[in-house]
Amino acid sequence: MEKVKLTKKQAEIIESIKDGTDDIANFLTHWHTAQDKAMVATRENFTPSLLMKAWEYGYEIEKTPEERALDYYETLEHLMNEAAAKDNRGKAVALSNERVGARNILIMLGIKIEGINA
């Protein structure tokens, strides 16, 4: 099975409960006794089942929508530069226009993302 995808907050909860233990029993004891963390976890849709999967298979932190948008924007820039280096002006212009479109949509929605439009 592949790693579980967690939010940054969920990963922080696991790490704070882990407290240097490699023993699942101690880990679960910390989980159940850390009422404040459990309350936060509930708000984070962090179930015991998800916790067990993260422990068993490991986890990776899921990117935020802003991080995914920035990755997309930077990928377009990379592809645009490659097209320009290969003298493919039409493709470079199309990719440049796609970047402008992405930026304009964020502006219309009132969303500012560092590296794109902030």
PDB file of N, CA and C in Angstrom:
ATOM      1  N   MET A   1       0.843  -1.187   0.000  1.00  0.00           N
ATOM      2  CA  MET A   1       0.000   0.000   0.000  1.00  0.00           C
ATOM      3  C   MET A   1       0.883   1.243   0.000  1.00  0.00           C
ATOM      4  N   GLU A   2       0.392   2.303  -0.612  1.00  0.00           N
ATOM      5  CA  GLU A   2       1.191   3.516  -0.683  1.00  0.00           C
ATOM      6  C   GLU A   2       0.988   4.399   0.545  1.00  0.00           C
ATOM      7  N   LYS A   3       1.841   5.390   0.661  1.00  0.00           N
ATOM      8  CA  LYS A   3       1.782   6.295   1.802  1.00  0.00           C
ATOM      9  C   LYS A   3       0.447   7.033   1.842  1.00  0.00           C
ATOM     10  N   VAL A   4       0.041   7.374   3.047  1.00  0.00           N
ATOM     11  CA  VAL A   4      -1.189   8.124   3.276  1.00  0.00           C
ATOM     12  C   VAL A   4      -0.897   9.610   3.046  1.00  0.00           C
ATOM     13  N   LYS A   5      -1.835  10.303   2.434  1.00  0.00           N
ATOM     14  CA  LYS A   5      -1.676  11.745   2.245  1.00  0.00           C
ATOM     15  C   LYS A   5      -2.367  12.462   3.390  1.00  0.00           C
ATOM     16  N   LEU A   6      -1.617  13.324   4.061  1.00  0.00           N
ATOM     17  CA  LEU A   6      -2.126  14.080   5.193  1.00  0.00           C
ATOM     18  C   LEU A   6      -1.956  15.563   4.956  1.00  0.00           C
ATOM     19  N   THR A   7      -2.787  16.340   5.633  1.00  0.00           N
ATOM     20  CA  THR A   7      -2.582  17.781   5.615  1.00  0.00           C
ATOM     21  C   THR A   7      -1.370  18.090   6.494  1.00  0.00           C
ATOM     22  N   LYS A   8      -0.867  19.280   6.364  1.00  0.00           N
ATOM     23  CA  LYS A   8       0.273  19.692   7.180  1.00  0.00           C
ATOM     24  C   LYS A   8      -0.097  19.613   8.660  1.00  0.00           C
ATOM     25  N   LYS A   9      -1.313  20.034   9.006  1.00  0.00           N
ATOM     26  CA  LYS A   9      -1.769  20.009  10.394  1.00  0.00           C
ATOM     27  C   LYS A   9      -1.832  18.579  10.924  1.00  0.00           C
ATOM     28  N   GLN A  10      -2.341  17.644  10.125  1.00  0.00           N
ATOM     29  CA  GLN A  10      -2.404  16.252  10.538  1.00  0.00           C
ATOM     30  C   GLN A  10      -1.004  15.693  10.791  1.00  0.00           C
ATOM     31  N   ALA A  11      -0.062  16.019   9.925  1.00  0.00           N
ATOM     32  CA  ALA A  11       1.320  15.558  10.091  1.00  0.00           C
ATOM     33  C   ALA A  11       1.923  16.129  11.373  1.00  0.00           C
ATOM     34  N   GLU A  12       1.616  17.390  11.669  1.00  0.00           N
ATOM     35  CA  GLU A  12       2.108  18.004  12.903  1.00  0.00           C
ATOM     36  C   GLU A  12       1.546  17.290  14.125  1.00  0.00           C
ATOM     37  N   ILE A  13       0.285  16.888  14.065  1.00  0.00           N
ATOM     38  CA  ILE A  13      -0.334  16.163  15.173  1.00  0.00           C
ATOM     39  C   ILE A  13       0.384  14.829  15.396  1.00  0.00           C
ATOM     40  N   ILE A  14       0.622  14.096  14.310  1.00  0.00           N
ATOM     41  CA  ILE A  14       1.332  12.816  14.434  1.00  0.00           C
ATOM     42  C   ILE A  14       2.701  13.029  15.067  1.00  0.00           C
ATOM     43  N   GLU A  15       3.436  13.984  14.576  1.00  0.00           N
ATOM     44  CA  GLU A  15       4.788  14.214  15.082  1.00  0.00           C
ATOM     45  C   GLU A  15       4.772  14.643  16.551  1.00  0.00           C
ATOM     46  N   SER A  16       3.784  15.441  16.948  1.00  0.00           N
ATOM     47  CA  SER A  16       3.738  15.876  18.343  1.00  0.00           C
ATOM     48  C   SER A  16       3.340  14.735  19.275  1.00  0.00           C
ATOM     49  N   ILE A  17       2.530  13.814  18.796  1.00  0.00           N
ATOM     50  CA  ILE A  17       2.124  12.670  19.609  1.00  0.00           C
ATOM     51  C   ILE A  17       3.216  11.609  19.638  1.00  0.00           C
ATOM     52  N   LYS A  18       3.901  11.455  18.522  1.00  0.00           N
ATOM     53  CA  LYS A  18       4.942  10.427  18.390  1.00  0.00           C
ATOM     54  C   LYS A  18       5.950  10.512  19.527  1.00  0.00           C
ATOM     55  N   ASP A  19       6.409  11.711  19.787  1.00  0.00           N
ATOM     56  CA  ASP A  19       7.298  11.975  20.913  1.00  0.00           C
ATOM     57  C   ASP A  19       8.472  11.001  20.981  1.00  0.00           C
ATOM     58  N   GLY A  20       9.050  10.690  19.837  1.00  0.00           N
ATOM     59  CA  GLY A  20      10.238   9.854  19.781  1.00  0.00           C
ATOM     60  C   GLY A  20      10.003   8.362  19.951  1.00  0.00           C
ATOM     61  N   THR A  21       8.735   7.921  20.015  1.00  0.00           N
ATOM     62  CA  THR A  21       8.477   6.494  20.211  1.00  0.00           C
ATOM     63  C   THR A  21       8.382   5.760  18.878  1.00  0.00           C
ATOM     64  N   ASP A  22       8.889   4.537  18.868  1.00  0.00           N
ATOM     65  CA  ASP A  22       8.744   3.677  17.692  1.00  0.00           C
ATOM     66  C   ASP A  22       7.746   2.563  17.973  1.00  0.00           C
ATOM     67  N   ASP A  23       7.149   2.595  19.155  1.00  0.00           N
ATOM     68  CA  ASP A  23       6.233   1.548  19.584  1.00  0.00           C
ATOM     69  C   ASP A  23       4.793   1.983  19.356  1.00  0.00           C
ATOM     70  N   ILE A  24       4.040   1.226  18.593  1.00  0.00           N
ATOM     71  CA  ILE A  24       2.667   1.584  18.247  1.00  0.00           C
ATOM     72  C   ILE A  24       1.778   1.668  19.483  1.00  0.00           C
ATOM     73  N   ALA A  25       1.999   0.812  20.484  1.00  0.00           N
ATOM     74  CA  ALA A  25       1.180   0.843  21.702  1.00  0.00           C
ATOM     75  C   ALA A  25       1.362   2.171  22.441  1.00  0.00           C
ATOM     76  N   ASN A  26       2.616   2.604  22.592  1.00  0.00           N
ATOM     77  CA  ASN A  26       2.877   3.905  23.239  1.00  0.00           C
ATOM     78  C   ASN A  26       2.285   5.041  22.419  1.00  0.00           C
ATOM     79  N   PHE A  27       2.408   4.920  21.127  1.00  0.00           N
ATOM     80  CA  PHE A  27       1.882   5.951  20.235  1.00  0.00           C
ATOM     81  C   PHE A  27       0.372   6.087  20.407  1.00  0.00           C
ATOM     82  N   LEU A  28      -0.329   4.945  20.421  1.00  0.00           N
ATOM     83  CA  LEU A  28      -1.785   4.976  20.579  1.00  0.00           C
ATOM     84  C   LEU A  28      -2.188   5.477  21.967  1.00  0.00           C
ATOM     85  N   THR A  29      -1.394   5.141  22.973  1.00  0.00           N
ATOM     86  CA  THR A  29      -1.664   5.647  24.317  1.00  0.00           C
ATOM     87  C   THR A  29      -1.561   7.167  24.322  1.00  0.00           C
ATOM     88  N   HIS A  30      -0.509   7.700  23.701  1.00  0.00           N
ATOM     89  CA  HIS A  30      -0.364   9.158  23.607  1.00  0.00           C
ATOM     90  C   HIS A  30      -1.530   9.759  22.846  1.00  0.00           C
ATOM     91  N   TRP A  31      -1.952   9.080  21.780  1.00  0.00           N
ATOM     92  CA  TRP A  31      -3.067   9.569  20.967  1.00  0.00           C
ATOM     93  C   TRP A  31      -4.321   9.708  21.826  1.00  0.00           C
ATOM     94  N   HIS A  32      -4.619   8.676  22.615  1.00  0.00           N
ATOM     95  CA  HIS A  32      -5.852   8.685  23.404  1.00  0.00           C
ATOM     96  C   HIS A  32      -5.782   9.597  24.612  1.00  0.00           C
ATOM     97  N   THR A  33      -4.602   9.854  25.140  1.00  0.00           N
ATOM     98  CA  THR A  33      -4.495  10.713  26.320  1.00  0.00           C
ATOM     99  C   THR A  33      -4.313  12.178  25.966  1.00  0.00           C
ATOM    100  N   ALA A  34      -4.003  12.458  24.745  1.00  0.00           N
ATOM    101  CA  ALA A  34      -3.798  13.858  24.325  1.00  0.00           C
ATOM    102  C   ALA A  34      -5.139  14.433  23.866  1.00  0.00           C
ATOM    103  N   GLN A  35      -5.986  14.764  24.809  1.00  0.00           N
ATOM    104  CA  GLN A  35      -7.339  15.222  24.486  1.00  0.00           C
ATOM    105  C   GLN A  35      -7.334  16.464  23.604  1.00  0.00           C
ATOM    106  N   ASP A  36      -6.450  17.396  23.879  1.00  0.00           N
ATOM    107  CA  ASP A  36      -6.432  18.610  23.048  1.00  0.00           C
ATOM    108  C   ASP A  36      -6.038  18.274  21.615  1.00  0.00           C
ATOM    109  N   LYS A  37      -5.106  17.354  21.445  1.00  0.00           N
ATOM    110  CA  LYS A  37      -4.705  16.949  20.096  1.00  0.00           C
ATOM    111  C   LYS A  37      -5.832  16.180  19.424  1.00  0.00           C
ATOM    112  N   ALA A  38      -6.507  15.345  20.193  1.00  0.00           N
ATOM    113  CA  ALA A  38      -7.616  14.579  19.633  1.00  0.00           C
ATOM    114  C   ALA A  38      -8.731  15.513  19.168  1.00  0.00           C
ATOM    115  N   MET A  39      -8.975  16.577  19.927  1.00  0.00           N
ATOM    116  CA  MET A  39     -10.008  17.533  19.524  1.00  0.00           C
ATOM    117  C   MET A  39      -9.605  18.243  18.233  1.00  0.00           C
ATOM    118  N   VAL A  40      -8.344  18.622  18.157  1.00  0.00           N
ATOM    119  CA  VAL A  40      -7.851  19.238  16.923  1.00  0.00           C
ATOM    120  C   VAL A  40      -7.958  18.241  15.783  1.00  0.00           C
ATOM    121  N   ALA A  41      -7.587  16.993  16.058  1.00  0.00           N
ATOM    122  CA  ALA A  41      -7.616  15.950  15.033  1.00  0.00           C
ATOM    123  C   ALA A  41      -9.031  15.762  14.495  1.00  0.00           C
ATOM    124  N   THR A  42     -10.021  15.815  15.380  1.00  0.00           N
ATOM    125  CA  THR A  42     -11.400  15.652  14.945  1.00  0.00           C
ATOM    126  C   THR A  42     -11.761  16.742  13.941  1.00  0.00           C
ATOM    127  N   ARG A  43     -11.334  17.945  14.233  1.00  0.00           N
ATOM    128  CA  ARG A  43     -11.601  19.052  13.301  1.00  0.00           C
ATOM    129  C   ARG A  43     -10.845  18.855  11.992  1.00  0.00           C
ATOM    130  N   GLU A  44      -9.767  18.096  12.037  1.00  0.00           N
ATOM    131  CA  GLU A  44      -8.946  17.853  10.851  1.00  0.00           C
ATOM    132  C   GLU A  44      -9.356  16.583  10.113  1.00  0.00           C
ATOM    133  N   ASN A  45     -10.503  15.984  10.471  1.00  0.00           N
ATOM    134  CA  ASN A  45     -10.952  14.727   9.864  1.00  0.00           C
ATOM    135  C   ASN A  45      -9.881  13.646   9.995  1.00  0.00           C
ATOM    136  N   PHE A  46      -9.308  13.552  11.156  1.00  0.00           N
ATOM    137  CA  PHE A  46      -8.205  12.636  11.419  1.00  0.00           C
ATOM    138  C   PHE A  46      -8.712  11.498  12.290  1.00  0.00           C
ATOM    139  N   THR A  47      -9.109  10.414  11.672  1.00  0.00           N
ATOM    140  CA  THR A  47      -9.700   9.286  12.374  1.00  0.00           C
ATOM    141  C   THR A  47      -8.624   8.321  12.863  1.00  0.00           C
ATOM    142  N   PRO A  48      -8.944   7.482  13.840  1.00  0.00           N
ATOM    143  CA  PRO A  48      -7.977   6.464  14.263  1.00  0.00           C
ATOM    144  C   PRO A  48      -7.549   5.550  13.105  1.00  0.00           C
ATOM    145  N   SER A  49      -8.466   5.271  12.194  1.00  0.00           N
ATOM    146  CA  SER A  49      -8.135   4.442  11.030  1.00  0.00           C
ATOM    147  C   SER A  49      -7.054   5.110  10.167  1.00  0.00           C
ATOM    148  N   LEU A  50      -7.215   6.397   9.932  1.00  0.00           N
ATOM    149  CA  LEU A  50      -6.218   7.144   9.155  1.00  0.00           C
ATOM    150  C   LEU A  50      -4.890   7.179   9.904  1.00  0.00           C
ATOM    151  N   LEU A  51      -4.956   7.348  11.206  1.00  0.00           N
ATOM    152  CA  LEU A  51      -3.758   7.356  12.036  1.00  0.00           C
ATOM    153  C   LEU A  51      -2.989   6.040  11.902  1.00  0.00           C
ATOM    154  N   MET A  52      -3.713   4.922  11.981  1.00  0.00           N
ATOM    155  CA  MET A  52      -3.079   3.607  11.873  1.00  0.00           C
ATOM    156  C   MET A  52      -2.443   3.403  10.497  1.00  0.00           C
ATOM    157  N   LYS A  53      -3.128   3.830   9.451  1.00  0.00           N
ATOM    158  CA  LYS A  53      -2.555   3.702   8.103  1.00  0.00           C
ATOM    159  C   LYS A  53      -1.296   4.552   7.969  1.00  0.00           C
ATOM    160  N   ALA A  54      -1.337   5.752   8.529  1.00  0.00           N
ATOM    161  CA  ALA A  54      -0.162   6.637   8.460  1.00  0.00           C
ATOM    162  C   ALA A  54       1.009   6.012   9.213  1.00  0.00           C
ATOM    163  N   TRP A  55       0.713   5.384  10.350  1.00  0.00           N
ATOM    164  CA  TRP A  55       1.772   4.732  11.133  1.00  0.00           C
ATOM    165  C   TRP A  55       2.360   3.554  10.358  1.00  0.00           C
ATOM    166  N   GLU A  56       1.477   2.726   9.800  1.00  0.00           N
ATOM    167  CA  GLU A  56       1.916   1.491   9.144  1.00  0.00           C
ATOM    168  C   GLU A  56       2.613   1.732   7.810  1.00  0.00           C
ATOM    169  N   TYR A  57       2.051   2.602   6.993  1.00  0.00           N
ATOM    170  CA  TYR A  57       2.561   2.791   5.629  1.00  0.00           C
ATOM    171  C   TYR A  57       3.357   4.075   5.441  1.00  0.00           C
ATOM    172  N   GLY A  58       3.374   4.920   6.450  1.00  0.00           N
ATOM    173  CA  GLY A  58       4.031   6.207   6.325  1.00  0.00           C
ATOM    174  C   GLY A  58       3.073   7.220   5.726  1.00  0.00           C
ATOM    175  N   TYR A  59       3.519   8.448   5.657  1.00  0.00           N
ATOM    176  CA  TYR A  59       2.654   9.492   5.119  1.00  0.00           C
ATOM    177  C   TYR A  59       3.469  10.535   4.373  1.00  0.00           C
ATOM    178  N   GLU A  60       2.774  11.255   3.547  1.00  0.00           N
ATOM    179  CA  GLU A  60       3.372  12.411   2.886  1.00  0.00           C
ATOM    180  C   GLU A  60       2.394  13.566   3.045  1.00  0.00           C
ATOM    181  N   ILE A  61       2.938  14.746   3.079  1.00  0.00           N
ATOM    182  CA  ILE A  61       2.101  15.928   3.287  1.00  0.00           C
ATOM    183  C   ILE A  61       1.522  16.365   1.944  1.00  0.00           C
ATOM    184  N   GLU A  62       0.207  16.475   1.945  1.00  0.00           N
ATOM    185  CA  GLU A  62      -0.511  16.885   0.750  1.00  0.00           C
ATOM    186  C   GLU A  62      -0.298  18.386   0.519  1.00  0.00           C
ATOM    187  N   LYS A  63      -0.086  18.754  -0.717  1.00  0.00           N
ATOM    188  CA  LYS A  63       0.104  20.166  -1.030  1.00  0.00           C
ATOM    189  C   LYS A  63      -1.214  20.914  -0.903  1.00  0.00           C
ATOM    190  N   THR A  64      -1.098  22.163  -0.493  1.00  0.00           N
ATOM    191  CA  THR A  64      -2.279  23.017  -0.406  1.00  0.00           C
ATOM    192  C   THR A  64      -2.698  23.417  -1.819  1.00  0.00           C
ATOM    193  N   PRO A  65      -3.924  23.881  -1.997  1.00  0.00           N
ATOM    194  CA  PRO A  65      -4.329  24.368  -3.323  1.00  0.00           C
ATOM    195  C   PRO A  65      -3.402  25.473  -3.836  1.00  0.00           C
ATOM    196  N   GLU A  66      -2.935  26.332  -2.937  1.00  0.00           N
ATOM    197  CA  GLU A  66      -2.018  27.407  -3.344  1.00  0.00           C
ATOM    198  C   GLU A  66      -0.698  26.840  -3.843  1.00  0.00           C
ATOM    199  N   GLU A  67      -0.190  25.827  -3.158  1.00  0.00           N
ATOM    200  CA  GLU A  67       1.061  25.201  -3.588  1.00  0.00           C
ATOM    201  C   GLU A  67       0.895  24.512  -4.939  1.00  0.00           C
ATOM    202  N   ARG A  68      -0.248  23.858  -5.139  1.00  0.00           N
ATOM    203  CA  ARG A  68      -0.495  23.206  -6.435  1.00  0.00           C
ATOM    204  C   ARG A  68      -0.623  24.246  -7.544  1.00  0.00           C
ATOM    205  N   ALA A  69      -1.270  25.368  -7.260  1.00  0.00           N
ATOM    206  CA  ALA A  69      -1.407  26.429  -8.267  1.00  0.00           C
ATOM    207  C   ALA A  69      -0.031  26.998  -8.623  1.00  0.00           C
ATOM    208  N   LEU A  70       0.810  27.204  -7.618  1.00  0.00           N
ATOM    209  CA  LEU A  70       2.156  27.725  -7.878  1.00  0.00           C
ATOM    210  C   LEU A  70       2.977  26.721  -8.685  1.00  0.00           C
ATOM    211  N   ASP A  71       2.871  25.435  -8.383  1.00  0.00           N
ATOM    212  CA  ASP A  71       3.572  24.404  -9.165  1.00  0.00           C
ATOM    213  C   ASP A  71       3.147  24.457 -10.630  1.00  0.00           C
ATOM    214  N   TYR A  72       1.836  24.564 -10.849  1.00  0.00           N
ATOM    215  CA  TYR A  72       1.293  24.640 -12.219  1.00  0.00           C
ATOM    216  C   TYR A  72       1.850  25.865 -12.931  1.00  0.00           C
ATOM    217  N   TYR A  73       1.818  26.997 -12.254  1.00  0.00           N
ATOM    218  CA  TYR A  73       2.291  28.257 -12.832  1.00  0.00           C
ATOM    219  C   TYR A  73       3.779  28.166 -13.172  1.00  0.00           C
ATOM    220  N   GLU A  74       4.561  27.597 -12.270  1.00  0.00           N
ATOM    221  CA  GLU A  74       6.003  27.471 -12.506  1.00  0.00           C
ATOM    222  C   GLU A  74       6.303  26.458 -13.616  1.00  0.00           C
ATOM    223  N   THR A  75       5.487  25.414 -13.719  1.00  0.00           N
ATOM    224  CA  THR A  75       5.655  24.443 -14.803  1.00  0.00           C
ATOM    225  C   THR A  75       5.412  25.117 -16.149  1.00  0.00           C
ATOM    226  N   LEU A  76       4.382  25.953 -16.213  1.00  0.00           N
ATOM    227  CA  LEU A  76       4.117  26.684 -17.455  1.00  0.00           C
ATOM    228  C   LEU A  76       5.305  27.561 -17.839  1.00  0.00           C
ATOM    229  N   GLU A  77       5.897  28.220 -16.847  1.00  0.00           N
ATOM    230  CA  GLU A  77       7.057  29.075 -17.122  1.00  0.00           C
ATOM    231  C   GLU A  77       8.225  28.242 -17.647  1.00  0.00           C
ATOM    232  N   HIS A  78       8.459  27.097 -17.018  1.00  0.00           N
ATOM    233  CA  HIS A  78       9.542  26.216 -17.453  1.00  0.00           C
ATOM    234  C   HIS A  78       9.324  25.755 -18.903  1.00  0.00           C
ATOM    235  N   LEU A  79       8.097  25.300 -19.200  1.00  0.00           N
ATOM    236  CA  LEU A  79       7.781  24.848 -20.562  1.00  0.00           C
ATOM    237  C   LEU A  79       7.885  25.988 -21.572  1.00  0.00           C
ATOM    238  N   MET A  80       7.460  27.176 -21.158  1.00  0.00           N
ATOM    239  CA  MET A  80       7.537  28.356 -22.030  1.00  0.00           C
ATOM    240  C   MET A  80       8.995  28.671 -22.363  1.00  0.00           C
ATOM    241  N   ASN A  81       9.863  28.614 -21.352  1.00  0.00           N
ATOM    242  CA  ASN A  81      11.285  28.889 -21.574  1.00  0.00           C
ATOM    243  C   ASN A  81      11.926  27.834 -22.471  1.00  0.00           C
ATOM    244  N   GLU A  82      11.529  26.567 -22.289  1.00  0.00           N
ATOM    245  CA  GLU A  82      12.035  25.501 -23.152  1.00  0.00           C
ATOM    246  C   GLU A  82      11.608  25.726 -24.600  1.00  0.00           C
ATOM    247  N   ALA A  83      10.347  26.088 -24.787  1.00  0.00           N
ATOM    248  CA  ALA A  83       9.838  26.328 -26.141  1.00  0.00           C
ATOM    249  C   ALA A  83      10.574  27.501 -26.782  1.00  0.00           C
ATOM    250  N   ALA A  84      10.812  28.551 -26.014  1.00  0.00           N
ATOM    251  CA  ALA A  84      11.525  29.719 -26.541  1.00  0.00           C
ATOM    252  C   ALA A  84      12.963  29.353 -26.917  1.00  0.00           C
ATOM    253  N   ALA A  85      13.599  28.512 -26.102  1.00  0.00           N
ATOM    254  CA  ALA A  85      14.983  28.099 -26.382  1.00  0.00           C
ATOM    255  C   ALA A  85      15.066  27.262 -27.657  1.00  0.00           C
ATOM    256  N   LYS A  86      13.984  26.578 -27.982  1.00  0.00           N
ATOM    257  CA  LYS A  86      13.943  25.762 -29.193  1.00  0.00           C
ATOM    258  C   LYS A  86      13.361  26.537 -30.376  1.00  0.00           C
ATOM    259  N   ASP A  87      13.218  27.834 -30.215  1.00  0.00           N
ATOM    260  CA  ASP A  87      12.655  28.707 -31.248  1.00  0.00           C
ATOM    261  C   ASP A  87      11.239  28.306 -31.659  1.00  0.00           C
ATOM    262  N   ASN A  88      10.483  27.768 -30.733  1.00  0.00           N
ATOM    263  CA  ASN A  88       9.094  27.424 -31.001  1.00  0.00           C
ATOM    264  C   ASN A  88       8.230  28.560 -30.462  1.00  0.00           C
ATOM    265  N   ARG A  89       8.222  29.640 -31.238  1.00  0.00           N
ATOM    266  CA  ARG A  89       7.552  30.875 -30.807  1.00  0.00           C
ATOM    267  C   ARG A  89       6.066  30.676 -30.545  1.00  0.00           C
ATOM    268  N   GLY A  90       5.389  29.920 -31.388  1.00  0.00           N
ATOM    269  CA  GLY A  90       3.954  29.706 -31.223  1.00  0.00           C
ATOM    270  C   GLY A  90       3.624  29.044 -29.897  1.00  0.00           C
ATOM    271  N   LYS A  91       4.390  28.020 -29.561  1.00  0.00           N
ATOM    272  CA  LYS A  91       4.151  27.312 -28.298  1.00  0.00           C
ATOM    273  C   LYS A  91       4.508  28.199 -27.109  1.00  0.00           C
ATOM    274  N   ALA A  92       5.582  28.957 -27.221  1.00  0.00           N
ATOM    275  CA  ALA A  92       5.992  29.856 -26.134  1.00  0.00           C
ATOM    276  C   ALA A  92       4.917  30.905 -25.868  1.00  0.00           C
ATOM    277  N   VAL A  93       4.353  31.463 -26.938  1.00  0.00           N
ATOM    278  CA  VAL A  93       3.295  32.468 -26.791  1.00  0.00           C
ATOM    279  C   VAL A  93       2.043  31.839 -26.169  1.00  0.00           C
ATOM    280  N   ALA A  94       1.686  30.629 -26.612  1.00  0.00           N
ATOM    281  CA  ALA A  94       0.509  29.946 -26.062  1.00  0.00           C
ATOM    282  C   ALA A  94       0.690  29.686 -24.565  1.00  0.00           C
ATOM    283  N   LEU A  95       1.868  29.248 -24.166  1.00  0.00           N
ATOM    284  CA  LEU A  95       2.130  28.992 -22.749  1.00  0.00           C
ATOM    285  C   LEU A  95       2.144  30.291 -21.945  1.00  0.00           C
ATOM    286  N   SER A  96       2.672  31.345 -22.533  1.00  0.00           N
ATOM    287  CA  SER A  96       2.650  32.645 -21.874  1.00  0.00           C
ATOM    288  C   SER A  96       1.208  33.107 -21.659  1.00  0.00           C
ATOM    289  N   ASN A  97       0.374  32.916 -22.676  1.00  0.00           N
ATOM    290  CA  ASN A  97      -1.032  33.284 -22.551  1.00  0.00           C
ATOM    291  C   ASN A  97      -1.738  32.459 -21.479  1.00  0.00           C
ATOM    292  N   GLU A  98      -1.367  31.190 -21.365  1.00  0.00           N
ATOM    293  CA  GLU A  98      -1.962  30.328 -20.334  1.00  0.00           C
ATOM    294  C   GLU A  98      -1.584  30.826 -18.939  1.00  0.00           C
ATOM    295  N   ARG A  99      -0.346  31.285 -18.781  1.00  0.00           N
ATOM    296  CA  ARG A  99       0.084  31.854 -17.491  1.00  0.00           C
ATOM    297  C   ARG A  99      -0.707  33.111 -17.173  1.00  0.00           C
ATOM    298  N   VAL A 100      -0.897  33.962 -18.171  1.00  0.00           N
ATOM    299  CA  VAL A 100      -1.681  35.188 -17.974  1.00  0.00           C
ATOM    300  C   VAL A 100      -3.110  34.821 -17.579  1.00  0.00           C
ATOM    301  N   GLY A 101      -3.676  33.817 -18.246  1.00  0.00           N
ATOM    302  CA  GLY A 101      -5.030  33.378 -17.915  1.00  0.00           C
ATOM    303  C   GLY A 101      -5.132  32.877 -16.483  1.00  0.00           C
ATOM    304  N   ALA A 102      -4.156  32.095 -16.044  1.00  0.00           N
ATOM    305  CA  ALA A 102      -4.151  31.589 -14.668  1.00  0.00           C
ATOM    306  C   ALA A 102      -4.086  32.745 -13.679  1.00  0.00           C
ATOM    307  N   ARG A 103      -3.232  33.702 -13.956  1.00  0.00           N
ATOM    308  CA  ARG A 103      -3.092  34.878 -13.091  1.00  0.00           C
ATOM    309  C   ARG A 103      -4.387  35.687 -13.052  1.00  0.00           C
ATOM    310  N   ASN A 104      -5.013  35.865 -14.224  1.00  0.00           N
ATOM    311  CA  ASN A 104      -6.257  36.633 -14.297  1.00  0.00           C
ATOM    312  C   ASN A 104      -7.400  35.963 -13.534  1.00  0.00           C
ATOM    313  N   ILE A 105      -7.472  34.633 -13.599  1.00  0.00           N
ATOM    314  CA  ILE A 105      -8.519  33.924 -12.846  1.00  0.00           C
ATOM    315  C   ILE A 105      -8.344  34.157 -11.355  1.00  0.00           C
ATOM    316  N   LEU A 106      -7.111  34.075 -10.872  1.00  0.00           N
ATOM    317  CA  LEU A 106      -6.865  34.323  -9.446  1.00  0.00           C
ATOM    318  C   LEU A 106      -7.277  35.743  -9.065  1.00  0.00           C
ATOM    319  N   ILE A 107      -6.969  36.699  -9.926  1.00  0.00           N
ATOM    320  CA  ILE A 107      -7.348  38.087  -9.664  1.00  0.00           C
ATOM    321  C   ILE A 107      -8.865  38.226  -9.609  1.00  0.00           C
ATOM    322  N   MET A 108      -9.576  37.601 -10.567  1.00  0.00           N
ATOM    323  CA  MET A 108     -11.042  37.675 -10.585  1.00  0.00           C
ATOM    324  C   MET A 108     -11.649  37.057  -9.328  1.00  0.00           C
ATOM    325  N   LEU A 109     -11.014  36.009  -8.806  1.00  0.00           N
ATOM    326  CA  LEU A 109     -11.533  35.338  -7.611  1.00  0.00           C
ATOM    327  C   LEU A 109     -11.075  36.005  -6.320  1.00  0.00           C
ATOM    328  N   GLY A 110     -10.216  37.013  -6.446  1.00  0.00           N
ATOM    329  CA  GLY A 110      -9.722  37.701  -5.266  1.00  0.00           C
ATOM    330  C   GLY A 110      -8.722  36.885  -4.459  1.00  0.00           C
ATOM    331  N   ILE A 111      -8.014  35.994  -5.141  1.00  0.00           N
ATOM    332  CA  ILE A 111      -7.036  35.126  -4.481  1.00  0.00           C
ATOM    333  C   ILE A 111      -5.640  35.609  -4.820  1.00  0.00           C
ATOM    334  N   LYS A 112      -4.825  35.796  -3.788  1.00  0.00           N
ATOM    335  CA  LYS A 112      -3.437  36.192  -4.009  1.00  0.00           C
ATOM    336  C   LYS A 112      -2.525  35.040  -3.586  1.00  0.00           C
ATOM    337  N   ILE A 113      -1.611  34.687  -4.478  1.00  0.00           N
ATOM    338  CA  ILE A 113      -0.661  33.614  -4.208  1.00  0.00           C
ATOM    339  C   ILE A 113       0.742  34.144  -4.490  1.00  0.00           C
ATOM    340  N   GLU A 114       1.575  34.081  -3.461  1.00  0.00           N
ATOM    341  CA  GLU A 114       2.962  34.522  -3.604  1.00  0.00           C
ATOM    342  C   GLU A 114       3.625  33.763  -4.751  1.00  0.00           C
ATOM    343  N   GLY A 115       4.268  34.506  -5.633  1.00  0.00           N
ATOM    344  CA  GLY A 115       4.947  33.891  -6.771  1.00  0.00           C
ATOM    345  C   GLY A 115       4.117  33.912  -8.040  1.00  0.00           C
ATOM    346  N   ILE A 116       2.813  34.244  -7.880  1.00  0.00           N
ATOM    347  CA  ILE A 116       1.945  34.327  -9.059  1.00  0.00           C
ATOM    348  C   ILE A 116       1.415  35.752  -9.205  1.00  0.00           C
ATOM    349  N   ASN A 117       0.670  36.201  -8.202  1.00  0.00           N
ATOM    350  CA  ASN A 117       0.057  37.524  -8.327  1.00  0.00           C
ATOM    351  C   ASN A 117       0.117  38.329  -7.025  1.00  0.00           C
ATOM    352  N   ALA A 118       0.971  37.919  -6.107  1.00  0.00           N
ATOM    353  CA  ALA A 118       1.077  38.676  -4.844  1.00  0.00           C
ATOM    354  C   ALA A 118       2.479  39.223  -4.671  1.00  0.00           C
TER     355      ALA A 118
END
